[in-house]
């Protein structure tokens, strides 16, 4: 039996015409789903640039402005990636909910068809194509329902959900294999929904779309968590740098205990030579007037 790998972008799903919101292998079918870190500050003028954060962390504002600019860029990038993660997270949750709804719907359709004593809600169908789901590694197939006397149409295309393993479809030869399908009424018409009876017992966790959505959900959650935290830290860092930039820069000062040479000179009395105190106007020794 020849197996086909589903081309990229091909729609995948289950049923035949109407019903759930996931897209299937038949156009208008029952399903619409597809079957930077910061290093420690250094005392030198230059630090490693991050997103344009050059110039060093100096007393002046140049390095701080560059740091704030870099934090702003990092924040914007992190927010964008976090939003992408959120979209992936909520989109995958929506897909998983549709998968759960489809599983319940088609399981109930099979149960209702089997309960009908006249078999009026089941038909034979011929397998026409077999495909591999490109998300969860599961398989699905297309079929053509064969109408009986009293039906409004003699043939009607349909398709399954991607819930089969390759081994389960090993003997499903295209154009030869006949399967029994359940329909959602007693008369086959253009709006009839259907599902093969071999879907019975399948769980939502067997669905390739559900498996793929689980992986997307996990990845989206990781992106949202990591880059959400980075965005928050970047915002806090920017606020801190902005507050620091508003502080005045202290001018260099000299201290008498340092090695700085003092410019103050000792003053002596011109009459007796006694040492005078700074600012004195009269010599305490001889009483002479101190000339300024």
C-alpha atoms as a PDB file:
ATOM      1  CA  UNK A   1       0.000   0.000   0.000  1.00  0.00           C
ATOM      2  CA  UNK A   2       1.328   3.382  -0.943  1.00  0.00           C
ATOM      3  CA  UNK A   3       1.518   5.979   1.789  1.00  0.00           C
ATOM      4  CA  UNK A   4       1.499   9.717   1.164  1.00  0.00           C
ATOM      5  CA  UNK A   5       3.047  12.429   3.284  1.00  0.00           C
ATOM      6  CA  UNK A   6       0.656  15.327   3.636  1.00  0.00           C
ATOM      7  CA  UNK A   7       1.903  18.466   1.840  1.00  0.00           C
ATOM      8  CA  UNK A   8       2.539  21.552   3.952  1.00  0.00           C
ATOM      9  CA  UNK A   9      -0.613  23.592   4.417  1.00  0.00           C
ATOM     10  CA  UNK A  10      -3.024  20.765   3.602  1.00  0.00           C
ATOM     11  CA  UNK A  11      -6.143  20.840   5.730  1.00  0.00           C
ATOM     12  CA  UNK A  12      -6.842  17.852   7.927  1.00  0.00           C
ATOM     13  CA  UNK A  13      -9.887  16.844   9.911  1.00  0.00           C
ATOM     14  CA  UNK A  14     -12.814  14.496  10.176  1.00  0.00           C
ATOM     15  CA  UNK A  15     -16.345  14.036   8.905  1.00  0.00           C
ATOM     16  CA  UNK A  16     -17.760  14.859   5.517  1.00  0.00           C
ATOM     17  CA  UNK A  17     -19.606  18.136   5.148  1.00  0.00           C
ATOM     18  CA  UNK A  18     -20.883  20.029   8.172  1.00  0.00           C
ATOM     19  CA  UNK A  19     -20.623  20.063  11.926  1.00  0.00           C
ATOM     20  CA  UNK A  20     -17.583  20.983  13.971  1.00  0.00           C
ATOM     21  CA  UNK A  21     -15.379  24.018  13.563  1.00  0.00           C
ATOM     22  CA  UNK A  22     -12.289  22.188  12.344  1.00  0.00           C
ATOM     23  CA  UNK A  23     -11.463  22.002   8.645  1.00  0.00           C
ATOM     24  CA  UNK A  24     -11.070  18.615   7.057  1.00  0.00           C
ATOM     25  CA  UNK A  25      -9.870  16.998   3.868  1.00  0.00           C
ATOM     26  CA  UNK A  26     -13.135  17.887   2.120  1.00  0.00           C
ATOM     27  CA  UNK A  27     -13.809  21.540   1.358  1.00  0.00           C
ATOM     28  CA  UNK A  28     -16.772  22.709   3.376  1.00  0.00           C
ATOM     29  CA  UNK A  29     -16.432  19.608   5.519  1.00  0.00           C
ATOM     30  CA  UNK A  30     -17.501  18.976   9.050  1.00  0.00           C
ATOM     31  CA  UNK A  31     -14.251  20.087  10.553  1.00  0.00           C
ATOM     32  CA  UNK A  32     -12.169  23.273  10.193  1.00  0.00           C
ATOM     33  CA  UNK A  33      -8.978  22.130  11.772  1.00  0.00           C
ATOM     34  CA  UNK A  34      -6.002  20.792   9.990  1.00  0.00           C
ATOM     35  CA  UNK A  35      -6.498  16.559  10.142  1.00  0.00           C
ATOM     36  CA  UNK A  36      20.922  38.654  27.034  1.00  0.00           C
ATOM     37  CA  UNK A  37      22.344  39.007  30.409  1.00  0.00           C
ATOM     38  CA  UNK A  38      24.000  41.961  32.126  1.00  0.00           C
ATOM     39  CA  UNK A  39      27.574  41.767  33.424  1.00  0.00           C
ATOM     40  CA  UNK A  40      28.691  43.315  36.720  1.00  0.00           C
ATOM     41  CA  UNK A  41      29.550  47.068  36.451  1.00  0.00           C
ATOM     42  CA  UNK A  42      33.256  47.802  36.185  1.00  0.00           C
ATOM     43  CA  UNK A  43      35.179  50.806  37.451  1.00  0.00           C
ATOM     44  CA  UNK A  44      36.743  51.341  34.057  1.00  0.00           C
ATOM     45  CA  UNK A  45      35.238  53.585  31.455  1.00  0.00           C
ATOM     46  CA  UNK A  46      34.251  50.809  29.031  1.00  0.00           C
ATOM     47  CA  UNK A  47      31.804  47.975  29.685  1.00  0.00           C
ATOM     48  CA  UNK A  48      30.625  45.232  27.333  1.00  0.00           C
ATOM     49  CA  UNK A  49      27.953  46.742  25.070  1.00  0.00           C
ATOM     50  CA  UNK A  50      24.519  45.147  25.149  1.00  0.00           C
ATOM     51  CA  UNK A  51      22.041  46.291  22.518  1.00  0.00           C
ATOM     52  CA  UNK A  52      24.027  49.525  22.111  1.00  0.00           C
ATOM     53  CA  UNK A  53      24.817  49.907  25.810  1.00  0.00           C
ATOM     54  CA  UNK A  54      28.308  51.306  25.371  1.00  0.00           C
ATOM     55  CA  UNK A  55      30.196  54.134  26.954  1.00  0.00           C
ATOM     56  CA  UNK A  56      30.656  52.637  30.390  1.00  0.00           C
ATOM     57  CA  UNK A  57      28.935  53.237  33.675  1.00  0.00           C
ATOM     58  CA  UNK A  58      30.502  56.581  34.614  1.00  0.00           C
ATOM     59  CA  UNK A  59      29.511  59.478  36.809  1.00  0.00           C
ATOM     60  CA  UNK A  60      28.413  61.323  33.689  1.00  0.00           C
ATOM     61  CA  UNK A  61      25.088  60.713  31.938  1.00  0.00           C
ATOM     62  CA  UNK A  62      26.380  59.302  28.631  1.00  0.00           C
ATOM     63  CA  UNK A  63      26.856  55.722  29.824  1.00  0.00           C
ATOM     64  CA  UNK A  64      23.606  55.799  31.776  1.00  0.00           C
ATOM     65  CA  UNK A  65      21.675  57.044  28.762  1.00  0.00           C
ATOM     66  CA  UNK A  66      23.079  54.221  26.659  1.00  0.00           C
ATOM     67  CA  UNK A  67      22.229  51.725  29.388  1.00  0.00           C
ATOM     68  CA  UNK A  68      18.670  52.989  29.567  1.00  0.00           C
ATOM     69  CA  UNK A  69      18.378  52.845  25.788  1.00  0.00           C
ATOM     70  CA  UNK A  70      19.614  49.247  25.779  1.00  0.00           C
ATOM     71  CA  UNK A  71      17.175  48.270  28.520  1.00  0.00           C
ATOM     72  CA  UNK A  72      14.364  49.866  26.535  1.00  0.00           C
ATOM     73  CA  UNK A  73      15.229  47.881  23.414  1.00  0.00           C
ATOM     74  CA  UNK A  74      15.497  44.673  25.439  1.00  0.00           C
ATOM     75  CA  UNK A  75      12.131  45.404  27.040  1.00  0.00           C
ATOM     76  CA  UNK A  76      10.402  45.956  23.676  1.00  0.00           C
ATOM     77  CA  UNK A  77      11.858  42.756  22.201  1.00  0.00           C
ATOM     78  CA  UNK A  78      10.867  40.766  25.299  1.00  0.00           C
ATOM     79  CA  UNK A  79       7.325  42.116  25.219  1.00  0.00           C
ATOM     80  CA  UNK A  80       6.933  41.188  21.538  1.00  0.00           C
ATOM     81  CA  UNK A  81       8.182  37.632  22.151  1.00  0.00           C
ATOM     82  CA  UNK A  82       5.982  37.329  25.249  1.00  0.00           C
ATOM     83  CA  UNK A  83       2.951  38.387  23.181  1.00  0.00           C
ATOM     84  CA  UNK A  84       3.822  35.743  20.576  1.00  0.00           C
ATOM     85  CA  UNK A  85       3.987  33.186  23.379  1.00  0.00           C
ATOM     86  CA  UNK A  86       0.586  34.313  24.681  1.00  0.00           C
ATOM     87  CA  UNK A  87      -0.953  34.002  21.209  1.00  0.00           C
ATOM     88  CA  UNK A  88       0.494  30.492  20.845  1.00  0.00           C
ATOM     89  CA  UNK A  89      -0.783  29.563  24.310  1.00  0.00           C
ATOM     90  CA  UNK A  90      -4.361  30.727  23.837  1.00  0.00           C
ATOM     91  CA  UNK A  91      -4.501  29.558  20.214  1.00  0.00           C
ATOM     92  CA  UNK A  92      -3.450  26.051  21.215  1.00  0.00           C
ATOM     93  CA  UNK A  93      -6.012  26.000  24.016  1.00  0.00           C
ATOM     94  CA  UNK A  94      -8.713  26.840  21.467  1.00  0.00           C
ATOM     95  CA  UNK A  95      -7.549  24.000  19.194  1.00  0.00           C
ATOM     96  CA  UNK A  96      -7.537  21.544  22.095  1.00  0.00           C
ATOM     97  CA  UNK A  97     -11.082  22.556  23.031  1.00  0.00           C
ATOM     98  CA  UNK A  98     -12.255  21.963  19.440  1.00  0.00           C
ATOM     99  CA  UNK A  99     -10.573  18.555  19.439  1.00  0.00           C
ATOM    100  CA  UNK A 100     -12.359  17.635  22.664  1.00  0.00           C
ATOM    101  CA  UNK A 101     -15.676  18.800  21.210  1.00  0.00           C
ATOM    102  CA  UNK A 102     -15.164  16.775  18.011  1.00  0.00           C
ATOM    103  CA  UNK A 103     -14.267  13.647  19.957  1.00  0.00           C
ATOM    104  CA  UNK A 104     -17.449  13.847  22.007  1.00  0.00           C
ATOM    105  CA  UNK A 105     -19.557  14.631  18.949  1.00  0.00           C
ATOM    106  CA  UNK A 106     -18.364  11.762  16.765  1.00  0.00           C
ATOM    107  CA  UNK A 107     -18.317   9.255  19.623  1.00  0.00           C
ATOM    108  CA  UNK A 108     -21.979  10.113  20.263  1.00  0.00           C
ATOM    109  CA  UNK A 109     -22.742   9.804  16.517  1.00  0.00           C
ATOM    110  CA  UNK A 110     -21.331   6.264  16.452  1.00  0.00           C
ATOM    111  CA  UNK A 111     -23.238   5.277  19.595  1.00  0.00           C
ATOM    112  CA  UNK A 112     -26.496   6.559  18.110  1.00  0.00           C
ATOM    113  CA  UNK A 113     -25.904   4.807  14.791  1.00  0.00           C
ATOM    114  CA  UNK A 114     -25.125   1.483  16.494  1.00  0.00           C
ATOM    115  CA  UNK A 115     -28.280   1.772  18.564  1.00  0.00           C
ATOM    116  CA  UNK A 116     -30.408   1.999  15.411  1.00  0.00           C
ATOM    117  CA  UNK A 117     -31.734  -1.515  14.824  1.00  0.00           C
ATOM    118  CA  UNK A 118     -32.378  -0.991  11.113  1.00  0.00           C
ATOM    119  CA  UNK A 119     -28.810   0.099  10.306  1.00  0.00           C
ATOM    120  CA  UNK A 120     -30.348   3.117   8.587  1.00  0.00           C
ATOM    121  CA  UNK A 121     -27.657   5.358  10.098  1.00  0.00           C
ATOM    122  CA  UNK A 122     -24.651   3.464   8.720  1.00  0.00           C
ATOM    123  CA  UNK A 123     -23.272   3.122   5.200  1.00  0.00           C
ATOM    124  CA  UNK A 124     -20.383   1.461   3.393  1.00  0.00           C
ATOM    125  CA  UNK A 125     -17.541   3.688   2.235  1.00  0.00           C
ATOM    126  CA  UNK A 126     -14.462   3.134   0.086  1.00  0.00           C
ATOM    127  CA  UNK A 127     -11.066   4.429   1.242  1.00  0.00           C
ATOM    128  CA  UNK A 128      -9.742   6.849  -1.393  1.00  0.00           C
ATOM    129  CA  UNK A 129      -6.577   8.359   0.127  1.00  0.00           C
ATOM    130  CA  UNK A 130      -4.392   8.008   3.206  1.00  0.00           C
ATOM    131  CA  UNK A 131      -2.463  10.891   4.760  1.00  0.00           C
ATOM    132  CA  UNK A 132      -0.072  11.579   7.615  1.00  0.00           C
ATOM    133  CA  UNK A 133      -0.848  14.401   9.996  1.00  0.00           C
ATOM    134  CA  UNK A 134       2.136  16.769  10.069  1.00  0.00           C
ATOM    135  CA  UNK A 135       1.635  17.820  13.691  1.00  0.00           C
ATOM    136  CA  UNK A 136       1.193  14.803  15.909  1.00  0.00           C
ATOM    137  CA  UNK A 137       2.523  12.031  13.685  1.00  0.00           C
ATOM    138  CA  UNK A 138      -0.927  10.446  13.390  1.00  0.00           C
ATOM    139  CA  UNK A 139      -2.668   9.271  10.225  1.00  0.00           C
ATOM    140  CA  UNK A 140      -6.087   9.915   8.680  1.00  0.00           C
ATOM    141  CA  UNK A 141      -7.839   8.900   5.487  1.00  0.00           C
ATOM    142  CA  UNK A 142     -10.397  10.084   2.996  1.00  0.00           C
ATOM    143  CA  UNK A 143     -13.312   7.946   1.903  1.00  0.00           C
ATOM    144  CA  UNK A 144     -16.327   7.997  -0.367  1.00  0.00           C
ATOM    145  CA  UNK A 145     -19.688   6.987   1.093  1.00  0.00           C
ATOM    146  CA  UNK A 146     -21.769   4.698  -1.109  1.00  0.00           C
ATOM    147  CA  UNK A 147     -25.447   5.631  -1.134  1.00  0.00           C
ATOM    148  CA  UNK A 148     -28.331   3.160  -0.982  1.00  0.00           C
ATOM    149  CA  UNK A 149     -31.881   3.199  -2.295  1.00  0.00           C
ATOM    150  CA  UNK A 150     -33.780   6.148  -0.882  1.00  0.00           C
ATOM    151  CA  UNK A 151     -30.697   8.355  -0.402  1.00  0.00           C
ATOM    152  CA  UNK A 152     -30.631  11.806  -1.956  1.00  0.00           C
ATOM    153  CA  UNK A 153     -27.092  11.275  -3.312  1.00  0.00           C
ATOM    154  CA  UNK A 154     -25.313   8.151  -4.529  1.00  0.00           C
ATOM    155  CA  UNK A 155     -21.830   9.172  -3.366  1.00  0.00           C
ATOM    156  CA  UNK A 156     -20.486  11.545  -0.764  1.00  0.00           C
ATOM    157  CA  UNK A 157     -16.832  12.233   0.133  1.00  0.00           C
ATOM    158  CA  UNK A 158     -15.688  12.299   3.742  1.00  0.00           C
ATOM    159  CA  UNK A 159     -12.598  12.026   5.895  1.00  0.00           C
ATOM    160  CA  UNK A 160     -11.550  10.939   9.354  1.00  0.00           C
ATOM    161  CA  UNK A 161      -9.879  12.707  12.234  1.00  0.00           C
ATOM    162  CA  UNK A 162      -6.088  12.172  12.521  1.00  0.00           C
ATOM    163  CA  UNK A 163      -6.248   9.525  15.244  1.00  0.00           C
ATOM    164  CA  UNK A 164      -4.701   6.416  13.651  1.00  0.00           C
ATOM    165  CA  UNK A 165      -1.236   4.941  13.813  1.00  0.00           C
ATOM    166  CA  UNK A 166       0.452   3.758  10.634  1.00  0.00           C
ATOM    167  CA  UNK A 167       0.046   0.161  11.792  1.00  0.00           C
ATOM    168  CA  UNK A 168      -3.702   0.579  12.247  1.00  0.00           C
ATOM    169  CA  UNK A 169      -4.005   1.557   8.583  1.00  0.00           C
ATOM    170  CA  UNK A 170      -1.551  -1.029   7.292  1.00  0.00           C
ATOM    171  CA  UNK A 171      -4.257  -3.007   5.453  1.00  0.00           C
ATOM    172  CA  UNK A 172      -6.250   0.024   4.288  1.00  0.00           C
ATOM    173  CA  UNK A 173      -5.570  -0.130   0.554  1.00  0.00           C
ATOM    174  CA  UNK A 174      -6.674   2.937  -1.341  1.00  0.00           C
ATOM    175  CA  UNK A 175      -9.501   2.286  -3.789  1.00  0.00           C
ATOM    176  CA  UNK A 176     -10.057  -1.197  -2.369  1.00  0.00           C
ATOM    177  CA  UNK A 177     -10.664  -1.070   1.389  1.00  0.00           C
ATOM    178  CA  UNK A 178     -14.329  -0.796   2.409  1.00  0.00           C
ATOM    179  CA  UNK A 179     -15.163   0.639   5.834  1.00  0.00           C
ATOM    180  CA  UNK A 180     -18.455   1.123   7.639  1.00  0.00           C
ATOM    181  CA  UNK A 181     -19.324   4.719   8.570  1.00  0.00           C
ATOM    182  CA  UNK A 182     -21.935   6.268  10.841  1.00  0.00           C
ATOM    183  CA  UNK A 183     -24.022   9.173   9.517  1.00  0.00           C
ATOM    184  CA  UNK A 184     -26.029  11.781  11.393  1.00  0.00           C
ATOM    185  CA  UNK A 185     -29.347  10.853   9.801  1.00  0.00           C
ATOM    186  CA  UNK A 186     -31.188   8.091   7.998  1.00  0.00           C
ATOM    187  CA  UNK A 187     -30.911   9.605   4.510  1.00  0.00           C
ATOM    188  CA  UNK A 188     -27.621  10.401   2.818  1.00  0.00           C
ATOM    189  CA  UNK A 189     -27.619  13.921   1.352  1.00  0.00           C
ATOM    190  CA  UNK A 190     -25.179  16.695   0.532  1.00  0.00           C
ATOM    191  CA  UNK A 191     -25.207  17.959   4.144  1.00  0.00           C
ATOM    192  CA  UNK A 192     -24.722  14.605   5.841  1.00  0.00           C
ATOM    193  CA  UNK A 193     -21.968  14.398   8.447  1.00  0.00           C
ATOM    194  CA  UNK A 194     -20.168  11.098   8.961  1.00  0.00           C
ATOM    195  CA  UNK A 195     -17.388   9.270  10.799  1.00  0.00           C
ATOM    196  CA  UNK A 196     -16.017   5.711  10.327  1.00  0.00           C
ATOM    197  CA  UNK A 197     -16.992   3.172  12.963  1.00  0.00           C
ATOM    198  CA  UNK A 198     -13.303   2.409  13.520  1.00  0.00           C
ATOM    199  CA  UNK A 199     -13.155   5.775  15.322  1.00  0.00           C
ATOM    200  CA  UNK A 200     -14.987   4.130  18.223  1.00  0.00           C
ATOM    201  CA  UNK A 201     -12.910   4.064  21.398  1.00  0.00           C
ATOM    202  CA  UNK A 202     -10.494   6.761  20.237  1.00  0.00           C
ATOM    203  CA  UNK A 203      -9.573   9.314  22.887  1.00  0.00           C
ATOM    204  CA  UNK A 204      -8.893  12.986  22.340  1.00  0.00           C
ATOM    205  CA  UNK A 205      -5.274  12.321  23.273  1.00  0.00           C
ATOM    206  CA  UNK A 206      -5.052  10.089  20.167  1.00  0.00           C
ATOM    207  CA  UNK A 207      -5.809  13.093  17.966  1.00  0.00           C
ATOM    208  CA  UNK A 208      -2.767  14.400  16.069  1.00  0.00           C
ATOM    209  CA  UNK A 209      -4.071  17.963  16.159  1.00  0.00           C
ATOM    210  CA  UNK A 210      -4.529  17.722  19.926  1.00  0.00           C
ATOM    211  CA  UNK A 211      -0.991  16.354  20.345  1.00  0.00           C
ATOM    212  CA  UNK A 212       0.417  19.176  18.221  1.00  0.00           C
ATOM    213  CA  UNK A 213      -1.555  21.773  20.178  1.00  0.00           C
ATOM    214  CA  UNK A 214      -0.168  20.407  23.442  1.00  0.00           C
ATOM    215  CA  UNK A 215       3.370  20.980  22.182  1.00  0.00           C
ATOM    216  CA  UNK A 216       2.502  24.493  21.015  1.00  0.00           C
ATOM    217  CA  UNK A 217       0.894  25.242  24.376  1.00  0.00           C
ATOM    218  CA  UNK A 218       4.019  24.159  26.251  1.00  0.00           C
ATOM    219  CA  UNK A 219       6.324  26.218  24.023  1.00  0.00           C
ATOM    220  CA  UNK A 220       4.061  29.263  24.227  1.00  0.00           C
ATOM    221  CA  UNK A 221       3.930  29.007  28.011  1.00  0.00           C
ATOM    222  CA  UNK A 222       7.730  28.916  28.210  1.00  0.00           C
ATOM    223  CA  UNK A 223       8.079  31.964  25.938  1.00  0.00           C
ATOM    224  CA  UNK A 224       5.477  33.908  27.887  1.00  0.00           C
ATOM    225  CA  UNK A 225       7.038  33.085  31.264  1.00  0.00           C
ATOM    226  CA  UNK A 226      10.695  33.735  30.381  1.00  0.00           C
ATOM    227  CA  UNK A 227      10.314  36.849  28.262  1.00  0.00           C
ATOM    228  CA  UNK A 228       7.537  38.220  30.445  1.00  0.00           C
ATOM    229  CA  UNK A 229       9.949  38.182  33.396  1.00  0.00           C
ATOM    230  CA  UNK A 230      12.719  39.737  31.264  1.00  0.00           C
ATOM    231  CA  UNK A 231      10.353  42.506  30.162  1.00  0.00           C
ATOM    232  CA  UNK A 232       9.396  43.292  33.766  1.00  0.00           C
ATOM    233  CA  UNK A 233      13.032  43.330  34.885  1.00  0.00           C
ATOM    234  CA  UNK A 234      13.938  45.578  31.948  1.00  0.00           C
ATOM    235  CA  UNK A 235      11.207  48.038  32.908  1.00  0.00           C
ATOM    236  CA  UNK A 236      12.363  48.087  36.528  1.00  0.00           C
ATOM    237  CA  UNK A 237      15.968  48.518  35.397  1.00  0.00           C
ATOM    238  CA  UNK A 238      15.014  51.427  33.149  1.00  0.00           C
ATOM    239  CA  UNK A 239      13.174  53.103  36.019  1.00  0.00           C
ATOM    240  CA  UNK A 240      16.217  52.659  38.244  1.00  0.00           C
ATOM    241  CA  UNK A 241      18.607  54.101  35.652  1.00  0.00           C
ATOM    242  CA  UNK A 242      16.245  57.005  34.982  1.00  0.00           C
ATOM    243  CA  UNK A 243      16.086  57.815  38.699  1.00  0.00           C
ATOM    244  CA  UNK A 244      19.880  57.652  38.923  1.00  0.00           C
ATOM    245  CA  UNK A 245      20.249  60.001  35.948  1.00  0.00           C
ATOM    246  CA  UNK A 246      18.232  62.677  37.751  1.00  0.00           C
ATOM    247  CA  UNK A 247      20.733  62.832  40.641  1.00  0.00           C
ATOM    248  CA  UNK A 248      23.184  65.767  40.439  1.00  0.00           C
ATOM    249  CA  UNK A 249      26.812  64.957  39.808  1.00  0.00           C
ATOM    250  CA  UNK A 250      29.017  65.864  42.776  1.00  0.00           C
ATOM    251  CA  UNK A 251      31.997  68.119  41.995  1.00  0.00           C
ATOM    252  CA  UNK A 252      35.447  66.903  43.030  1.00  0.00           C
ATOM    253  CA  UNK A 253      36.424  68.040  46.547  1.00  0.00           C
ATOM    254  CA  UNK A 254      39.692  68.348  48.417  1.00  0.00           C
ATOM    255  CA  UNK A 255      40.357  67.297  51.957  1.00  0.00           C
ATOM    256  CA  UNK A 256      43.023  68.506  54.377  1.00  0.00           C
ATOM    257  CA  UNK A 257      43.896  64.894  55.218  1.00  0.00           C
ATOM    258  CA  UNK A 258      44.658  63.964  51.642  1.00  0.00           C
ATOM    259  CA  UNK A 259      47.833  64.469  49.691  1.00  0.00           C
ATOM    260  CA  UNK A 260      46.377  67.643  48.151  1.00  0.00           C
ATOM    261  CA  UNK A 261      48.775  70.585  48.728  1.00  0.00           C
ATOM    262  CA  UNK A 262      47.165  73.374  50.786  1.00  0.00           C
ATOM    263  CA  UNK A 263      47.293  76.906  49.350  1.00  0.00           C
ATOM    264  CA  UNK A 264      47.004  78.588  52.822  1.00  0.00           C
ATOM    265  CA  UNK A 265      50.281  80.395  53.968  1.00  0.00           C
ATOM    266  CA  UNK A 266      51.359  81.164  57.538  1.00  0.00           C
ATOM    267  CA  UNK A 267      51.320  84.890  58.475  1.00  0.00           C
ATOM    268  CA  UNK A 268      53.848  86.528  60.912  1.00  0.00           C
ATOM    269  CA  UNK A 269      53.965  89.897  62.688  1.00  0.00           C
ATOM    270  CA  UNK A 270      56.066  92.395  60.803  1.00  0.00           C
ATOM    271  CA  UNK A 271      57.333  93.946  64.125  1.00  0.00           C
ATOM    272  CA  UNK A 272      58.140  91.016  66.405  1.00  0.00           C
ATOM    273  CA  UNK A 273      57.915  87.998  64.094  1.00  0.00           C
ATOM    274  CA  UNK A 274      55.264  86.217  66.143  1.00  0.00           C
ATOM    275  CA  UNK A 275      52.966  83.825  64.238  1.00  0.00           C
ATOM    276  CA  UNK A 276      49.524  85.228  63.724  1.00  0.00           C
ATOM    277  CA  UNK A 277      46.206  83.447  63.596  1.00  0.00           C
ATOM    278  CA  UNK A 278      44.374  83.553  60.247  1.00  0.00           C
ATOM    279  CA  UNK A 279      42.308  86.730  60.051  1.00  0.00           C
ATOM    280  CA  UNK A 280      44.018  88.473  63.004  1.00  0.00           C
ATOM    281  CA  UNK A 281      44.167  92.304  62.848  1.00  0.00           C
ATOM    282  CA  UNK A 282      46.522  92.834  65.856  1.00  0.00           C
ATOM    283  CA  UNK A 283      49.593  90.936  67.001  1.00  0.00           C
ATOM    284  CA  UNK A 284      48.850  89.174  70.312  1.00  0.00           C
ATOM    285  CA  UNK A 285      52.551  89.470  71.265  1.00  0.00           C
ATOM    286  CA  UNK A 286      53.490  93.094  70.655  1.00  0.00           C
ATOM    287  CA  UNK A 287      50.161  94.663  69.858  1.00  0.00           C
ATOM    288  CA  UNK A 288      51.288  95.764  66.403  1.00  0.00           C
ATOM    289  CA  UNK A 289      48.682  96.395  63.739  1.00  0.00           C
ATOM    290  CA  UNK A 290      48.614  93.680  61.091  1.00  0.00           C
ATOM    291  CA  UNK A 291      48.701  95.085  57.618  1.00  0.00           C
ATOM    292  CA  UNK A 292      46.352  93.239  55.183  1.00  0.00           C
END
